[in-house]
Protein backbone atom coordinates (compact mmCIF):
# COMPACT_ATOMS: atom_id res chain seq x y z
CA MET A 1 0.00 0.00 0.00
CA ASP A 2 1.26 3.42 -0.84
CA GLU A 3 0.61 6.55 1.23
CA LYS A 4 -2.15 7.75 -1.10
CA GLU A 5 -4.08 4.47 -0.79
CA ILE A 6 -3.67 4.51 3.00
CA GLN A 7 -5.09 8.05 3.17
CA LYS A 8 -8.07 7.11 1.00
CA LEU A 9 -8.78 4.01 3.09
CA GLN A 10 -8.58 6.06 6.30
CA LYS A 11 -11.13 8.49 4.83
CA GLY A 12 -13.55 5.60 4.39
CA GLU A 13 -13.18 4.94 0.67
CA VAL A 14 -14.02 1.50 -0.64
CA PHE A 15 -11.66 0.12 -3.29
CA ILE A 16 -13.23 -2.11 -5.95
CA THR A 17 -11.53 -3.90 -8.85
CA LEU A 18 -13.49 -5.86 -11.42
CA THR A 19 -12.07 -8.30 -13.96
CA TYR A 20 -13.76 -10.28 -16.70
CA LEU A 21 -12.70 -13.92 -16.79
CA PRO A 22 -13.40 -16.61 -19.43
CA ASP A 23 -16.91 -18.10 -19.68
CA ASP A 24 -18.59 -14.84 -18.50
CA VAL A 25 -17.27 -15.15 -14.93
CA VAL A 26 -16.74 -11.83 -13.14
CA SER A 27 -13.96 -11.48 -10.57
CA VAL A 28 -14.35 -8.78 -7.94
CA SER A 29 -11.92 -7.59 -5.28
CA SER A 30 -12.73 -4.90 -2.75
CA ARG A 31 -11.23 -3.46 0.39
CA ILE A 32 -12.19 -1.14 3.24
CA HIS A 33 -10.46 0.11 6.38
CA ILE A 34 -12.25 -0.56 9.66
CA ASN A 35 -11.17 1.31 12.76
CA ALA A 36 -11.53 -1.75 14.98
CA HIS A 37 -9.50 -4.78 16.03
CA PRO A 38 -9.75 -7.90 13.84
CA GLU A 39 -11.73 -9.65 16.61
CA ALA A 40 -14.56 -7.07 16.30
CA VAL A 41 -14.57 -7.38 12.50
CA TRP A 42 -14.59 -11.17 12.82
CA LYS A 43 -17.54 -11.04 15.22
CA THR A 44 -19.45 -8.91 12.71
CA LEU A 45 -18.66 -11.13 9.71
CA THR A 46 -19.53 -14.37 11.51
CA ASP A 47 -22.85 -13.25 13.02
CA TYR A 48 -24.40 -15.26 10.19
CA ASP A 49 -27.93 -15.55 11.57
CA ASN A 50 -28.20 -11.75 11.92
CA LEU A 51 -26.64 -10.55 8.65
CA SER A 52 -30.07 -9.69 7.23
CA SER A 53 -30.65 -7.22 10.07
CA TYR A 54 -27.93 -4.83 8.88
CA LEU A 55 -26.58 -5.83 5.45
CA PRO A 56 -28.31 -4.21 2.48
CA LYS A 57 -29.97 -6.62 0.04
CA VAL A 58 -29.60 -9.62 2.40
CA MET A 59 -33.15 -10.79 3.10
CA ALA A 60 -32.35 -13.94 5.11
CA SER A 61 -29.24 -15.67 6.40
CA ASP A 62 -29.40 -18.89 8.40
CA VAL A 63 -26.80 -21.36 9.63
CA VAL A 64 -27.93 -24.85 8.57
CA GLU A 65 -24.98 -26.84 9.94
CA ARG A 66 -21.82 -26.15 11.90
CA HIS A 67 -18.92 -28.56 12.35
CA GLY A 68 -15.97 -26.75 13.93
CA ASN A 69 -14.77 -24.16 11.43
CA GLU A 70 -16.98 -25.53 8.61
CA ILE A 71 -20.43 -23.93 8.22
CA ILE A 72 -23.30 -24.48 5.81
CA LEU A 73 -25.22 -21.23 5.36
CA ASP A 74 -28.46 -20.53 3.50
CA GLN A 75 -28.91 -16.98 2.22
CA THR A 76 -31.56 -15.11 0.29
CA GLY A 77 -30.86 -11.72 -1.19
CA LYS A 78 -31.83 -9.22 -3.84
CA THR A 79 -29.68 -8.54 -6.86
CA GLY A 80 -30.07 -6.33 -9.88
CA ILE A 81 -30.60 -2.68 -10.63
CA PHE A 82 -33.54 -0.30 -10.58
CA ILE A 83 -36.79 -2.16 -11.31
CA PHE A 84 -34.87 -5.22 -12.53
CA GLU A 85 -34.23 -6.73 -9.12
CA LYS A 86 -34.31 -10.48 -8.68
CA VAL A 87 -34.42 -12.57 -5.51
CA VAL A 88 -31.56 -15.07 -5.37
CA ASN A 89 -31.04 -18.04 -3.06
CA PHE A 90 -27.85 -19.90 -2.36
CA ARG A 91 -26.35 -22.38 0.06
CA LEU A 92 -22.73 -21.69 0.92
CA LYS A 93 -20.05 -23.86 2.43
CA LEU A 94 -17.87 -21.63 4.61
CA SER A 95 -14.47 -22.40 6.05
CA GLU A 96 -13.27 -20.13 8.86
CA GLU A 97 -9.63 -19.52 9.77
CA TYR A 98 -9.89 -17.32 12.85
CA PRO A 99 -9.10 -14.41 12.82
CA ASN A 100 -7.70 -14.15 9.29
CA SER A 101 -10.12 -15.42 6.65
CA ILE A 102 -13.45 -16.93 5.71
CA SER A 103 -13.60 -18.76 2.40
CA PHE A 104 -16.92 -19.58 0.77
CA GLU A 105 -18.29 -21.56 -2.13
CA GLN A 106 -21.84 -22.05 -3.29
CA ILE A 107 -22.95 -25.69 -3.07
CA ALA A 108 -26.52 -25.05 -4.28
CA GLY A 109 -28.41 -22.06 -5.60
CA ASP A 110 -28.79 -19.43 -8.29
CA PHE A 111 -25.15 -19.16 -9.39
CA LEU A 112 -23.03 -21.33 -11.65
CA VAL A 113 -19.97 -19.81 -9.98
CA TYR A 114 -19.99 -18.14 -6.56
CA GLN A 115 -16.83 -18.56 -4.54
CA GLY A 116 -14.42 -16.33 -2.71
CA GLU A 117 -13.10 -15.16 0.60
CA TRP A 118 -13.15 -12.47 3.24
CA LEU A 119 -9.66 -11.49 4.45
CA LEU A 120 -8.83 -9.57 7.62
CA GLU A 121 -5.40 -7.95 7.70
CA THR A 122 -3.49 -5.61 9.94
CA SER A 123 -0.64 -3.37 8.92
CA ASN A 124 1.95 -1.20 10.63
CA ALA A 125 1.01 1.53 8.16
CA ILE A 126 -2.60 1.84 9.30
CA GLN A 127 -4.35 1.18 12.62
CA GLY A 128 -7.35 -1.10 12.69
CA THR A 129 -8.26 -3.82 10.20
CA LEU A 130 -8.24 -3.98 6.43
CA LEU A 131 -11.22 -6.04 5.30
CA SER A 132 -11.04 -7.48 1.79
CA TYR A 133 -13.70 -9.32 -0.18
CA ASN A 134 -12.65 -11.35 -3.22
CA ALA A 135 -15.09 -13.37 -5.28
CA LYS A 136 -15.78 -14.99 -8.64
CA LEU A 137 -19.40 -14.85 -9.81
CA LYS A 138 -21.56 -16.13 -12.60
CA PRO A 139 -25.34 -16.34 -12.15
CA ILE A 140 -27.29 -19.33 -13.41
CA PHE A 141 -29.82 -16.94 -15.00
CA PHE A 142 -28.93 -14.78 -18.00
CA ALA A 143 -27.02 -11.69 -16.91
CA PRO A 144 -24.28 -10.25 -19.10
CA PRO A 145 -20.93 -9.80 -17.30
CA ILE A 146 -21.22 -6.01 -17.67
CA LEU A 147 -24.48 -6.13 -15.68
CA VAL A 148 -23.02 -8.46 -13.03
CA SER A 149 -20.03 -6.14 -12.62
CA PHE A 150 -22.27 -3.05 -12.41
CA VAL A 151 -24.35 -4.67 -9.66
CA GLN A 152 -21.17 -5.53 -7.73
CA TRP A 153 -19.86 -1.99 -8.20
CA GLN A 154 -23.18 -0.65 -6.90
CA ASP A 155 -23.73 -3.07 -3.97
CA LEU A 156 -20.28 -3.70 -2.47
CA PRO A 157 -19.72 -0.23 -0.97
CA GLY A 158 -22.95 -0.58 1.03
CA ILE A 159 -22.10 -4.09 2.20
CA LEU A 160 -18.54 -3.22 3.25
CA THR A 161 -19.65 0.02 4.89
CA ALA A 162 -22.33 -1.85 6.87
CA HIS A 163 -19.68 -4.28 8.17
CA LYS A 164 -17.46 -1.29 9.03
CA GLN A 165 -20.19 0.54 10.94
CA ARG A 166 -21.19 -2.53 12.88
CA ALA A 167 -17.62 -3.54 13.82
CA GLU A 168 -16.72 0.01 14.84
CA ALA A 169 -19.80 0.15 17.09
CA LEU A 170 -18.80 -2.96 19.06
């Protein structure tokens, strides 16, 4: 991280990078600075049964199974833009590595590809936690990659900011 990026993160900016991969898969990477210890960010990320109470577009989130650091999670959310919103459902297999990362992969649902990770990092250059979200996405329904990337560009700042606000309030 250079000084300019650190300053932007400290001001609350959300960084988003989108890449188009073969077979209409969209790769997204995003990052936000949270002025809280990794433990508080972890607590926010892993409050799976309550994600719908504060994350935009998450309508339901329920732990189905838990075996140590392996979790099966059902989620329902809204995706799309303007009047073209669609309700999507997916079952995710999560693998937690406290307090550094949560990897996820859809095992059933409305995506052909939905996998990624949440990363929690600390740095000597910036106090608090850097929260990163990296994912590869391809819906099962027709949605051109440009539309998928636009939706990610539109939705991720709200999702990351909601995690930030909640973790900073703990």
